[in-house]
Protein backbone atom coordinates (compact mmCIF):
# COMPACT_ATOMS: atom_id res chain seq x y z
CA MET A 1 -50.22 231.41 46.90
CA LEU A 2 -50.87 233.54 49.54
CA THR A 3 -52.98 236.38 49.94
CA PRO A 4 -53.07 240.02 47.24
CA SER A 5 -53.65 241.39 50.82
CA LEU A 6 -50.17 240.53 52.21
CA LEU A 7 -48.41 241.21 49.50
CA PRO A 8 -47.78 244.88 50.35
CA GLN A 9 -45.81 243.14 53.39
CA ARG A 10 -43.50 241.70 51.76
CA LEU A 11 -41.58 245.28 51.48
CA SER A 12 -41.62 245.75 54.96
CA SER A 13 -38.49 245.05 56.91
CA LEU A 14 -38.29 247.33 59.92
CA ASN A 15 -40.38 245.48 62.83
CA ASP A 16 -43.01 248.46 64.22
CA ASN A 17 -44.79 246.15 66.48
CA PRO A 18 -41.90 244.52 69.24
CA ASN A 19 -44.30 243.09 71.41
CA THR A 20 -45.08 240.84 67.79
CA ILE A 21 -43.65 237.99 67.15
CA ARG A 22 -41.29 238.09 63.61
CA THR A 23 -41.58 235.18 60.78
CA ILE A 24 -41.41 234.60 57.43
CA VAL A 25 -44.47 232.31 56.01
CA PHE A 26 -45.18 230.35 53.26
CA SER A 27 -47.01 227.52 51.21
CA LEU A 28 -45.77 224.23 50.46
CA ALA A 29 -46.50 222.71 47.26
CA ASP A 30 -49.01 220.18 45.71
CA ILE A 31 -51.00 219.68 48.77
CA GLU A 32 -53.44 221.90 47.35
CA HIS A 33 -56.37 218.57 47.30
CA THR A 34 -55.43 217.09 51.17
CA SER A 35 -56.86 218.08 54.57
CA MET A 36 -53.35 220.49 54.74
CA ALA A 37 -54.07 222.88 52.09
CA LYS A 38 -55.93 225.40 53.48
CA TYR A 39 -53.01 226.66 56.36
CA LEU A 40 -49.79 228.13 55.94
CA PHE A 41 -46.91 227.59 58.18
CA ALA A 42 -43.66 230.10 59.60
CA LEU A 43 -40.69 230.12 61.27
CA PRO A 44 -39.30 232.86 63.56
CA VAL A 45 -36.69 235.41 61.36
CA GLU A 46 -34.14 234.02 63.78
CA ALA A 47 -33.95 231.10 62.55
CA VAL A 48 -33.87 231.85 58.32
CA GLU A 49 -30.74 232.41 56.59
CA LYS A 50 -32.34 233.25 53.39
CA ALA A 51 -34.64 232.05 50.25
CA ILE A 52 -33.80 231.31 46.95
CA VAL A 53 -35.50 230.25 43.71
CA TYR A 54 -34.82 226.21 44.16
CA PRO A 55 -31.74 225.30 42.00
CA PRO A 56 -32.79 222.49 39.21
CA ASP A 57 -30.75 219.48 40.65
CA ARG A 58 -33.36 218.59 43.02
CA ALA A 59 -32.55 216.36 46.16
CA ILE A 60 -33.10 212.79 46.10
CA LEU A 61 -35.64 212.38 48.70
CA LYS A 62 -36.44 209.05 51.49
CA ASN A 63 -39.19 209.64 53.63
CA GLY A 64 -39.01 213.62 53.00
CA ILE A 65 -35.55 213.84 54.30
CA GLY A 66 -33.10 214.61 51.41
CA MET A 67 -29.81 216.11 50.73
CA ILE A 68 -28.10 218.95 47.70
CA ASN A 69 -25.15 220.46 47.13
CA LEU A 70 -24.98 224.47 47.01
CA GLY A 71 -22.27 226.01 46.24
CA GLU A 72 -19.30 224.09 48.69
CA GLN A 73 -21.49 223.51 50.74
CA THR A 74 -24.12 219.58 51.87
CA LEU A 75 -27.40 220.62 52.91
CA THR A 76 -30.39 218.26 54.27
CA ILE A 77 -33.67 218.78 52.79
CA VAL A 78 -36.49 218.42 54.85
CA ASP A 79 -39.44 218.43 52.74
CA LEU A 80 -42.69 218.56 55.18
CA ARG A 81 -45.43 218.24 51.86
CA GLN A 82 -44.19 213.97 53.02
CA LYS A 83 -46.02 214.41 55.88
CA PHE A 84 -49.06 214.88 53.99
CA THR A 85 -49.10 213.62 50.59
CA SER A 86 -46.48 211.48 48.60
CA ILE A 87 -44.44 213.84 46.46
CA GLU A 88 -42.73 212.07 42.75
CA SER A 89 -39.99 213.61 42.11
CA ASP A 90 -40.33 214.53 38.62
CA ARG A 91 -43.88 216.30 39.86
CA ASP A 92 -42.53 218.46 42.56
CA SER A 93 -43.35 222.38 42.01
CA SER A 94 -41.58 223.45 44.67
CA LYS A 95 -40.12 227.58 43.49
CA PHE A 96 -38.39 228.34 46.47
CA LEU A 97 -36.19 226.45 49.17
CA ILE A 98 -35.72 228.28 52.49
CA LEU A 99 -32.42 227.78 54.05
CA PHE A 100 -32.23 227.61 57.87
CA HIS A 101 -30.51 226.56 60.99
CA THR A 102 -31.98 224.17 63.32
CA GLN A 103 -31.41 224.70 67.79
CA ALA A 104 -28.42 222.05 66.87
CA GLY A 105 -27.21 224.60 64.55
CA GLU A 106 -27.56 221.81 61.97
CA PHE A 107 -27.59 224.56 58.07
CA CYS A 108 -30.75 222.32 56.47
CA GLY A 109 -33.32 224.12 53.26
CA LEU A 110 -36.82 223.46 53.73
CA PRO A 111 -39.05 223.22 49.71
CA ILE A 112 -41.81 225.79 49.20
CA LYS A 113 -44.81 226.78 46.73
CA ASP A 114 -44.19 230.48 46.55
CA ALA A 115 -42.19 233.59 47.51
CA PRO A 116 -42.23 233.21 50.97
CA VAL A 117 -43.85 236.93 53.34
CA LEU A 118 -42.39 238.72 56.67
CA ILE A 119 -45.28 238.91 58.64
CA ASP A 120 -45.59 239.64 62.02
CA ILE A 121 -48.02 238.00 64.36
CA ASP A 122 -49.08 239.49 67.66
CA PRO A 123 -48.49 236.58 70.40
CA GLY A 124 -52.86 236.99 71.64
CA THR A 125 -53.37 235.17 68.26
CA ILE A 126 -51.70 232.12 68.66
CA ARG A 127 -53.38 229.42 70.52
CA SER A 128 -51.41 225.77 71.61
CA ILE A 129 -52.94 222.97 68.87
CA PRO A 130 -54.33 220.13 70.60
CA LEU A 131 -52.21 217.28 71.50
CA ALA A 132 -54.79 214.56 69.91
CA TYR A 133 -55.21 216.73 67.31
CA ARG A 134 -52.00 217.30 66.28
CA GLU A 135 -50.53 213.15 66.78
CA VAL A 136 -53.71 212.42 64.23
CA ASN A 137 -53.07 214.57 61.20
CA GLN A 138 -49.03 214.02 62.18
CA LEU A 139 -48.58 217.27 63.11
CA SER A 140 -46.24 216.19 65.68
CA PHE A 141 -43.36 218.69 65.03
CA VAL A 142 -46.09 221.96 65.50
CA SER A 143 -47.59 222.97 68.68
CA HIS A 144 -49.03 226.37 68.20
CA MET A 145 -50.83 228.24 65.51
CA ALA A 146 -51.92 231.66 65.05
CA ILE A 147 -55.37 232.83 63.49
CA VAL A 148 -54.74 235.84 62.24
CA PRO A 149 -57.46 238.49 61.14
CA GLN A 150 -57.16 240.29 57.44
CA GLU A 151 -59.32 243.05 56.43
CA ASN A 152 -61.93 243.92 54.02
CA GLY A 153 -63.97 240.28 55.43
CA LEU A 154 -61.47 237.73 54.06
CA GLU A 155 -60.83 234.29 55.87
CA PRO A 156 -58.38 234.47 58.64
CA LEU A 157 -54.86 233.23 57.76
CA GLN A 158 -54.39 230.25 59.31
CA ILE A 159 -50.08 229.41 60.34
CA LEU A 160 -48.73 226.98 61.77
CA LEU A 161 -45.99 227.90 63.44
CA LEU A 162 -42.43 226.33 63.49
CA GLY A 163 -39.64 226.73 65.92
CA LEU A 164 -41.40 228.71 69.01
CA GLY A 165 -40.72 228.75 72.28
CA SER A 166 -43.68 227.43 74.97
CA PRO A 167 -46.66 230.29 75.12
CA ALA A 168 -44.64 232.35 78.08
CA GLN A 169 -41.60 232.86 75.34
CA LEU A 170 -44.54 233.62 72.36
CA SER A 171 -45.38 237.00 74.28
CA ALA A 172 -41.96 237.17 75.26
CA ASN A 173 -41.49 237.37 72.28
CA SER A 174 -38.14 235.30 72.48
CA ALA A 175 -38.92 232.79 69.36
CA SER A 176 -36.34 229.95 68.81
CA HIS A 177 -35.27 227.83 66.16
CA LEU A 178 -36.95 225.15 64.66
CA ASN A 179 -36.30 222.05 66.37
C-alpha cells in the first residue's frame, strides 16, 4: 500500500505547479519478497485512460502478456510483475487495472495492487537509472526514476517512471506515452 502521507493527494486533481510532471503512481501486487518491493511505478497522466477494478475473469498470461475482454473491446494485459517473480493466476492479488495507451495507440491494461495515486513530480527529483543496473534487474523498459521526499522524516519515495521521455522533455513537462 502507498504511504498514508500520499492519501490526501489522491483527492487533488488540479496541478498547482505547471513546472511539475503529472503522473499516476501505483504499486505492483505480489512482489513484496523481491528486490523491487521498495519501488513504486508511474505513468504520465496523459497516457492513462482510467483505472478500474480488475475484473474477476483474469487474462491468461504467458510471459507477462495476456488478453482480457472489457465490454466490446479486447485489451492486451501487460503484467510487469512477471519481470520480477513468477505469478500463478490463481494467486494474483491485483485489485485494479490501469487502462492506458501506448505510443503506438494500442489500448492496454496493467494489473496493480491498490488504487493509483495522482502525484505531481518535480523534474529536479528525476535521475537516470544506470544502464548496467537496468540490464541486471530486467528494467530495460525504465530509464528514469524520481526520488520524491516525504514529510515527517519518512523515507523518500522511489518511483520508476514508465513512458517518460528524455531529461530535456521531462524538464519541459512534455511527457510521452509508454513505449
